[in-house]
Amino acid sequence: MCAMTDTLKQLSALGGISGFEHTIQEEMEPLLAPYCDEITRDGLGSIIGIRRCGKENAPRVLLDAHMDGIGLLVTGIDDRGFLTFTNMGGVDTRILPACEVTVHGKAPLYGVIGAKPPHLQAPGDADKAAKMEDMAIDVGLPAARVRELVRVGDMVSFRSPAGSLCGDVLAGEYMDDRAGVVAMLECLKLLQNVQLDCDVYALIAVQEEVGLRGAKTGAYAANPDYAIVVDVGHGETPDASGDNIFPIGKGTVLTVGPNLHPRLVALAKELGRRYGIPYQIEVCGGDTGTDAWEVQVSRSGVPTLLLSIPLRYMHTTVETLCYDDVRATARMMKELVCALPLEEESGVTACI
């Protein structure tokens, strides 16, 4: 394990759900600072770090990963002090009973999500997933005190700090997409002493989980000539395998499809072979469900590539990955940045 794994564990524990990323922005910016000449925020709150190559009218390469995660919002406080809630982003209700959470009220409150025990349920109900409206958050305080500290609309984040499993495997909350942010940081570190022919724009985007919004505004602001988006993909589990589900520890995932430019995909394959960077291939016939979908059509269009880090148990509190795949993703990003811009005669808009 390296120092960057500690950074990933640190970022995993921050919370920061979609629309409430202001709670973690101050933690993100110092991580970019050693590698960038300038750091700005756009109107939505996305962070953009810029590393300039010093050449006039240099092409711009955008690196993108999103900072936000899924979570909950408080919808009510009952007379016993229990909190009702709704989801923010794609929350699987099956994971919620017995989850530990942090309620971000006037002061952070530790809470647990409770549901009716199976012993007290009607016959047959114990075999069904509990509905969100039948669960509540318990912070252990009387109703009057809860109302002093919590308001309807307060953010609730999951509380499951990352830890190391055997080998180079990590598990915890918000690996989606803090692992992508760390891959970007590793890439920038690898580029630190490299003379580039392009300016690099490192976008840590907001609100991916609720509509790719930070990617839309961030890409518009950066106005890049090329873009490399990094997110997580589906990792192989005991009950899930097959097409577009990938084993962890076998490298980054290159996506092929209309959302991604074939010239950049071909370049990434060549760089992987040349530098021994392990990669796997995903086929997506339409929307990748990632920031790449918005970045590609920013302004007059951006040749875009998507790299994915295989992740088990996505959108749970025990998202699991192999750090070797984060390293492979960072290495691929670095070599792509060094290989860009493509020479004009290679024809980035040409078919492969």
Protein backbone atom coordinates (compact mmCIF):
# COMPACT_ATOMS: atom_id res chain seq x y z
CA MET A 1 0.00 0.00 0.00
CA CYS A 2 1.19 3.56 -0.74
CA ALA A 3 0.47 7.03 0.65
CA MET A 4 -2.28 7.49 -1.94
CA THR A 5 -4.26 4.64 -0.37
CA ASP A 6 -4.35 6.68 2.83
CA THR A 7 -5.64 9.59 0.74
CA LEU A 8 -8.39 7.34 -0.65
CA LYS A 9 -9.36 6.24 2.85
CA GLN A 10 -9.42 9.89 3.94
CA LEU A 11 -11.66 10.91 1.03
CA SER A 12 -13.93 7.91 1.53
CA ALA A 13 -14.78 9.07 5.04
CA LEU A 14 -15.74 12.65 4.09
CA GLY A 15 -19.41 12.27 3.17
CA GLY A 16 -20.31 14.92 0.61
CA ILE A 17 -23.47 13.79 -1.18
CA SER A 18 -24.79 15.30 -4.40
CA GLY A 19 -25.76 18.94 -3.97
CA PHE A 20 -23.91 19.22 -0.65
CA GLU A 21 -20.34 18.99 -1.91
CA HIS A 22 -19.49 22.26 -0.16
CA THR A 23 -18.89 20.12 2.92
CA ILE A 24 -15.82 18.51 1.32
CA GLN A 25 -14.47 21.12 -1.12
CA GLU A 26 -11.96 22.45 1.41
CA GLU A 27 -10.53 18.94 1.73
CA MET A 28 -10.23 18.46 -2.03
CA GLU A 29 -8.44 21.64 -3.08
CA PRO A 30 -5.20 21.13 -1.08
CA LEU A 31 -4.77 17.73 -2.73
CA LEU A 32 -4.61 19.36 -6.17
CA ALA A 33 -2.43 22.28 -5.11
CA PRO A 34 1.02 20.60 -5.38
CA TYR A 35 0.38 19.68 -9.02
CA CYS A 36 -1.43 22.74 -10.41
CA ASP A 37 -0.56 26.33 -11.26
CA GLU A 38 -4.10 27.55 -10.59
CA ILE A 39 -7.22 26.25 -8.84
CA THR A 40 -10.71 27.65 -9.38
CA ARG A 41 -14.33 26.71 -8.69
CA ASP A 42 -17.23 27.11 -11.04
CA GLY A 43 -20.70 28.31 -10.09
CA LEU A 44 -21.92 24.81 -9.17
CA GLY A 45 -18.91 24.13 -6.95
CA SER A 46 -16.81 21.87 -9.16
CA ILE A 47 -13.08 22.30 -8.61
CA ILE A 48 -10.79 22.85 -11.61
CA GLY A 49 -7.03 22.63 -11.21
CA ILE A 50 -4.96 23.88 -14.14
CA ARG A 51 -1.41 22.87 -14.99
CA ARG A 52 -0.03 25.00 -17.78
CA CYS A 53 2.72 23.79 -20.11
CA GLY A 54 3.96 27.32 -20.83
CA LYS A 55 3.34 27.17 -24.56
CA GLU A 56 1.13 29.73 -26.25
CA ASN A 57 -2.24 28.47 -27.51
CA ALA A 58 -1.49 24.97 -26.23
CA PRO A 59 -4.22 22.32 -26.61
CA ARG A 60 -6.25 21.59 -23.49
CA VAL A 61 -6.70 18.11 -22.05
CA LEU A 62 -9.47 17.68 -19.47
CA LEU A 63 -9.24 15.04 -16.74
CA ASP A 64 -12.56 14.43 -14.98
CA ALA A 65 -13.67 12.54 -11.87
CA HIS A 66 -16.65 13.34 -9.66
CA MET A 67 -16.50 14.09 -5.94
CA ASP A 68 -20.13 13.50 -4.94
CA GLY A 69 -21.73 10.34 -3.61
CA ILE A 70 -25.19 9.00 -2.91
CA GLY A 71 -26.93 9.69 0.39
CA LEU A 72 -30.15 10.65 2.14
CA LEU A 73 -32.10 13.78 3.07
CA VAL A 74 -34.20 14.27 6.19
CA THR A 75 -37.91 14.60 5.36
CA GLY A 76 -39.43 14.69 8.85
CA ILE A 77 -39.02 14.34 12.62
CA ASP A 78 -41.70 12.40 14.47
CA ASP A 79 -42.89 12.90 18.06
CA ARG A 80 -40.41 10.30 19.34
CA GLY A 81 -37.38 11.90 17.69
CA PHE A 82 -37.02 9.44 14.81
CA LEU A 83 -36.06 10.89 11.42
CA THR A 84 -37.78 9.96 8.18
CA PHE A 85 -35.79 10.35 4.99
CA THR A 86 -35.61 10.07 1.22
CA ASN A 87 -32.81 9.10 -1.12
CA MET A 88 -30.35 11.38 -2.90
CA GLY A 89 -29.11 9.49 -5.94
CA GLY A 90 -29.35 5.77 -6.63
CA VAL A 91 -29.72 4.28 -3.14
CA ASP A 92 -30.57 0.57 -2.92
CA THR A 93 -33.08 0.29 -0.08
CA ARG A 94 -31.94 -3.28 0.64
CA ILE A 95 -28.69 -1.98 2.17
CA LEU A 96 -30.30 0.54 4.50
CA PRO A 97 -31.48 -1.44 7.57
CA ALA A 98 -28.71 -1.38 10.20
CA CYS A 99 -26.64 1.19 8.27
CA GLU A 100 -24.65 3.68 10.31
CA VAL A 101 -25.02 7.29 9.17
CA THR A 102 -24.02 10.84 10.01
CA VAL A 103 -26.82 13.40 10.11
CA HIS A 104 -25.37 16.77 9.17
CA GLY A 105 -27.47 19.08 11.34
CA LYS A 106 -26.25 22.02 13.41
CA ALA A 107 -23.74 19.50 14.70
CA PRO A 108 -22.88 16.11 13.13
CA LEU A 109 -24.97 13.40 14.77
CA TYR A 110 -24.18 9.69 14.71
CA GLY A 111 -27.25 7.65 13.82
CA VAL A 112 -28.41 4.22 12.78
CA ILE A 113 -31.17 3.22 10.38
CA GLY A 114 -33.73 0.94 11.94
CA ALA A 115 -36.53 -1.19 10.53
CA LYS A 116 -39.10 -3.48 12.10
CA PRO A 117 -37.39 -6.72 13.26
CA PRO A 118 -38.44 -9.85 11.35
CA HIS A 119 -39.88 -11.29 14.59
CA LEU A 120 -42.56 -8.56 14.60
CA GLN A 121 -43.42 -8.57 10.90
CA ALA A 122 -46.51 -10.12 9.36
CA PRO A 123 -46.07 -13.60 7.85
CA GLY A 124 -44.29 -13.31 4.51
CA ASP A 125 -43.08 -9.74 5.03
CA ALA A 126 -39.77 -10.87 6.54
CA ASP A 127 -38.75 -12.18 3.12
CA LYS A 128 -39.31 -8.79 1.43
CA ALA A 129 -36.99 -5.79 1.33
CA ALA A 130 -38.04 -3.08 3.76
CA LYS A 131 -39.52 0.04 2.15
CA MET A 132 -37.82 3.37 2.74
CA GLU A 133 -40.99 4.81 4.25
CA ASP A 134 -40.99 2.01 6.84
CA MET A 135 -37.49 2.87 8.09
CA ALA A 136 -36.21 5.66 10.32
CA ILE A 137 -32.95 7.14 11.52
CA ASP A 138 -32.35 6.91 15.27
CA VAL A 139 -29.87 9.41 16.74
CA GLY A 140 -30.70 8.45 20.33
CA LEU A 141 -32.01 11.85 21.45
CA PRO A 142 -35.44 13.05 22.64
CA ALA A 143 -37.63 14.67 20.01
CA ALA A 144 -37.20 18.18 21.45
CA ARG A 145 -33.42 17.94 21.28
CA VAL A 146 -33.50 16.43 17.79
CA ARG A 147 -35.61 19.38 16.58
CA GLU A 148 -33.02 21.77 18.00
CA LEU A 149 -30.22 20.15 16.03
CA VAL A 150 -31.86 18.82 12.86
CA ARG A 151 -34.01 20.43 10.16
CA VAL A 152 -35.99 18.95 7.31
CA GLY A 153 -33.67 18.94 4.30
CA ASP A 154 -30.48 18.21 6.24
CA MET A 155 -27.99 15.91 4.52
CA VAL A 156 -27.35 12.38 5.73
CA SER A 157 -24.19 10.55 4.66
CA PHE A 158 -23.20 6.94 5.18
CA ARG A 159 -20.67 6.15 7.88
CA SER A 160 -18.48 3.19 6.97
CA PRO A 161 -14.81 4.21 6.85
CA ALA A 162 -12.63 2.38 4.35
CA GLY A 163 -10.34 -0.39 5.50
CA SER A 164 -7.85 -2.77 3.94
CA LEU A 165 -8.81 -6.32 3.12
CA CYS A 166 -6.21 -8.91 2.16
CA GLY A 167 -3.65 -7.99 -0.48
CA ASP A 168 -4.15 -4.65 -2.20
CA VAL A 169 -7.93 -4.59 -1.74
CA LEU A 170 -9.85 -1.78 -0.02
CA ALA A 171 -13.50 -1.65 1.06
CA GLY A 172 -15.62 1.21 2.31
CA GLU A 173 -18.07 3.94 1.42
CA TYR A 174 -17.83 6.47 -1.42
CA MET A 175 -15.15 4.66 -3.42
CA ASP A 176 -17.47 5.81 -6.25
CA ASP A 177 -15.86 8.09 -7.31
CA ARG A 178 -13.23 9.09 -4.76
CA ALA A 179 -11.13 6.31 -6.34
CA GLY A 180 -11.35 8.24 -9.61
CA VAL A 181 -10.22 11.42 -7.85
CA VAL A 182 -7.22 9.58 -6.41
CA ALA A 183 -6.37 8.10 -9.83
CA MET A 184 -6.36 11.67 -11.18
CA LEU A 185 -4.07 12.78 -8.33
CA GLU A 186 -1.69 9.88 -9.03
CA CYS A 187 -1.69 10.86 -12.71
CA LEU A 188 -0.83 14.47 -11.89
CA LYS A 189 1.94 13.27 -9.58
CA LEU A 190 3.39 11.12 -12.39
CA LEU A 191 3.29 14.15 -14.68
CA GLN A 192 4.92 16.48 -12.17
CA ASN A 193 8.38 16.53 -13.79
CA VAL A 194 7.28 15.87 -17.37
CA GLN A 195 7.46 18.59 -20.00
CA LEU A 196 4.06 18.61 -21.71
CA ASP A 197 2.77 19.98 -25.00
CA CYS A 198 -0.70 20.63 -23.59
CA ASP A 199 -2.38 22.36 -20.67
CA VAL A 200 -4.04 19.94 -18.25
CA TYR A 201 -7.38 20.80 -16.64
CA ALA A 202 -8.19 18.54 -13.67
CA LEU A 203 -11.93 18.70 -12.99
CA ILE A 204 -13.33 17.30 -9.74
CA ALA A 205 -17.01 17.53 -10.62
CA VAL A 206 -20.14 17.84 -8.48
CA GLN A 207 -23.59 16.28 -8.85
CA GLU A 208 -22.70 13.33 -11.08
CA GLU A 209 -25.05 11.04 -9.18
CA VAL A 210 -28.08 13.20 -9.91
CA GLY A 211 -27.55 14.11 -13.55
CA LEU A 212 -23.88 14.69 -14.52
CA ARG A 213 -24.35 18.41 -13.85
CA GLY A 214 -20.84 19.32 -12.71
CA ALA A 215 -19.34 17.70 -15.80
CA LYS A 216 -21.59 19.81 -18.02
CA THR A 217 -20.59 23.14 -16.48
CA GLY A 218 -16.99 22.16 -15.81
CA ALA A 219 -16.34 20.99 -19.36
CA TYR A 220 -17.94 24.16 -20.70
CA ALA A 221 -15.61 26.26 -18.55
CA ALA A 222 -12.48 24.28 -19.46
CA ASN A 223 -13.31 24.20 -23.19
CA PRO A 224 -10.99 21.22 -23.78
CA ASP A 225 -9.64 19.76 -27.01
CA TYR A 226 -9.63 16.25 -25.50
CA ALA A 227 -11.11 14.70 -22.36
CA ILE A 228 -10.32 11.66 -20.21
CA VAL A 229 -13.08 10.77 -17.76
CA VAL A 230 -12.43 8.32 -14.93
CA ASP A 231 -15.17 6.61 -12.92
CA VAL A 232 -15.89 3.18 -11.49
CA GLY A 233 -17.35 0.19 -13.31
CA HIS A 234 -19.00 -3.01 -12.16
CA GLY A 235 -16.69 -5.54 -10.54
CA GLU A 236 -17.22 -9.27 -10.62
CA THR A 237 -18.96 -10.72 -7.52
CA PRO A 238 -20.16 -14.22 -6.57
CA ASP A 239 -23.61 -13.50 -8.01
CA ALA A 240 -22.63 -11.21 -10.91
CA SER A 241 -20.36 -12.02 -13.82
CA GLY A 242 -20.43 -11.83 -17.60
CA ASP A 243 -20.33 -9.05 -20.16
CA ASN A 244 -19.34 -5.61 -18.83
CA ILE A 245 -18.63 -7.00 -15.36
CA PHE A 246 -14.92 -7.17 -14.66
CA PRO A 247 -12.63 -8.88 -12.15
CA ILE A 248 -10.77 -6.56 -9.82
CA GLY A 249 -6.99 -6.53 -9.97
CA LYS A 250 -6.86 -7.03 -13.75
CA GLY A 251 -6.44 -3.42 -14.80
CA THR A 252 -8.38 -0.38 -15.89
CA VAL A 253 -11.40 -0.70 -18.20
CA LEU A 254 -11.55 0.99 -21.62
CA THR A 255 -15.07 1.57 -22.88
CA VAL A 256 -15.87 1.21 -26.58
CA GLY A 257 -19.02 2.80 -28.00
CA PRO A 258 -20.52 5.98 -29.44
CA ASN A 259 -19.95 7.94 -26.23
CA LEU A 260 -16.17 7.52 -26.68
CA HIS A 261 -13.93 8.55 -29.55
CA PRO A 262 -12.51 5.53 -31.43
CA ARG A 263 -9.20 7.28 -32.11
CA LEU A 264 -8.60 7.79 -28.39
CA VAL A 265 -9.66 4.22 -27.58
CA ALA A 266 -7.20 2.93 -30.18
CA LEU A 267 -4.47 5.15 -28.72
CA ALA A 268 -5.17 3.87 -25.19
CA LYS A 269 -4.93 0.25 -26.37
CA GLU A 270 -1.61 0.96 -28.05
CA LEU A 271 -0.23 2.71 -24.96
CA GLY A 272 -1.38 -0.16 -22.76
CA ARG A 273 0.49 -2.65 -24.92
CA ARG A 274 3.57 -0.43 -25.22
CA TYR A 275 3.96 0.33 -21.52
CA GLY A 276 2.56 -2.87 -20.03
CA ILE A 277 -0.51 -1.21 -18.52
CA PRO A 278 -3.19 -3.86 -17.91
CA TYR A 279 -6.60 -3.04 -19.37
CA GLN A 280 -9.95 -4.67 -20.05
CA ILE A 281 -12.58 -3.80 -22.67
CA GLU A 282 -16.18 -2.79 -22.02
CA VAL A 283 -18.74 -2.38 -24.81
CA CYS A 284 -21.49 0.21 -24.33
CA GLY A 285 -23.92 0.88 -27.14
CA GLY A 286 -25.26 4.17 -25.75
CA ASP A 287 -25.18 6.23 -22.58
CA THR A 288 -22.29 5.20 -20.32
CA GLY A 289 -24.03 6.75 -17.30
CA THR A 290 -20.87 8.70 -16.53
CA ASP A 291 -19.60 12.26 -16.89
CA ALA A 292 -18.32 11.25 -20.33
CA TRP A 293 -21.90 11.53 -21.60
CA GLU A 294 -22.02 15.29 -20.93
CA VAL A 295 -18.36 16.10 -21.59
CA GLN A 296 -18.53 14.61 -25.08
CA VAL A 297 -21.18 17.09 -26.24
CA SER A 298 -19.87 20.19 -24.48
CA ARG A 299 -19.79 23.25 -26.75
CA SER A 300 -19.04 21.98 -30.28
CA GLY A 301 -18.03 18.50 -29.06
CA VAL A 302 -15.01 16.98 -27.32
CA PRO A 303 -13.17 13.76 -28.30
CA THR A 304 -13.61 11.81 -25.06
CA LEU A 305 -12.26 8.63 -23.46
CA LEU A 306 -13.64 6.78 -20.42
CA LEU A 307 -11.48 4.78 -18.01
CA SER A 308 -13.27 2.75 -15.33
CA ILE A 309 -11.97 1.19 -12.10
CA PRO A 310 -13.69 -2.16 -11.42
CA LEU A 311 -15.72 -1.88 -8.20
CA ARG A 312 -17.66 -4.53 -6.33
CA TYR A 313 -20.92 -3.78 -4.48
CA MET A 314 -21.47 -0.37 -6.11
CA HIS A 315 -23.67 2.10 -4.20
CA THR A 316 -23.30 0.28 -0.91
CA THR A 317 -21.28 1.10 2.20
CA VAL A 318 -18.72 -1.62 1.39
CA GLU A 319 -17.67 -0.70 -2.15
CA THR A 320 -14.61 -2.84 -2.83
CA LEU A 321 -11.71 -2.37 -5.26
CA CYS A 322 -8.12 -3.36 -5.86
CA TYR A 323 -5.70 -0.47 -5.65
CA ASP A 324 -3.65 -1.97 -8.49
CA ASP A 325 -6.52 -0.95 -10.79
CA VAL A 326 -6.34 2.64 -9.51
CA ARG A 327 -2.61 2.64 -10.31
CA ALA A 328 -3.23 1.20 -13.78
CA THR A 329 -5.84 3.88 -14.43
CA ALA A 330 -3.44 6.63 -13.31
CA ARG A 331 -0.66 5.27 -15.51
CA MET A 332 -2.97 5.10 -18.53
CA MET A 333 -4.11 8.68 -17.94
CA LYS A 334 -0.49 9.84 -17.68
CA GLU A 335 0.58 8.17 -20.91
CA LEU A 336 -2.46 9.53 -22.73
CA VAL A 337 -1.72 13.07 -21.60
CA CYS A 338 1.89 12.66 -22.77
CA ALA A 339 0.72 11.33 -26.15
CA LEU A 340 -1.67 14.22 -26.74
CA PRO A 341 -2.26 16.29 -28.72
CA LEU A 342 -2.58 13.87 -31.61
CA GLU A 343 -0.72 14.91 -34.72
CA GLU A 344 -2.99 16.53 -37.25
CA GLU A 345 -2.27 13.97 -39.93
CA SER A 346 -3.46 11.18 -37.61
CA GLY A 347 -6.96 12.66 -37.86
CA VAL A 348 -8.67 12.57 -34.49
CA THR A 349 -11.99 12.85 -36.27
CA ALA A 350 -11.19 10.03 -38.66
CA CYS A 351 -12.81 6.64 -38.32
CA ILE A 352 -10.66 3.71 -37.13
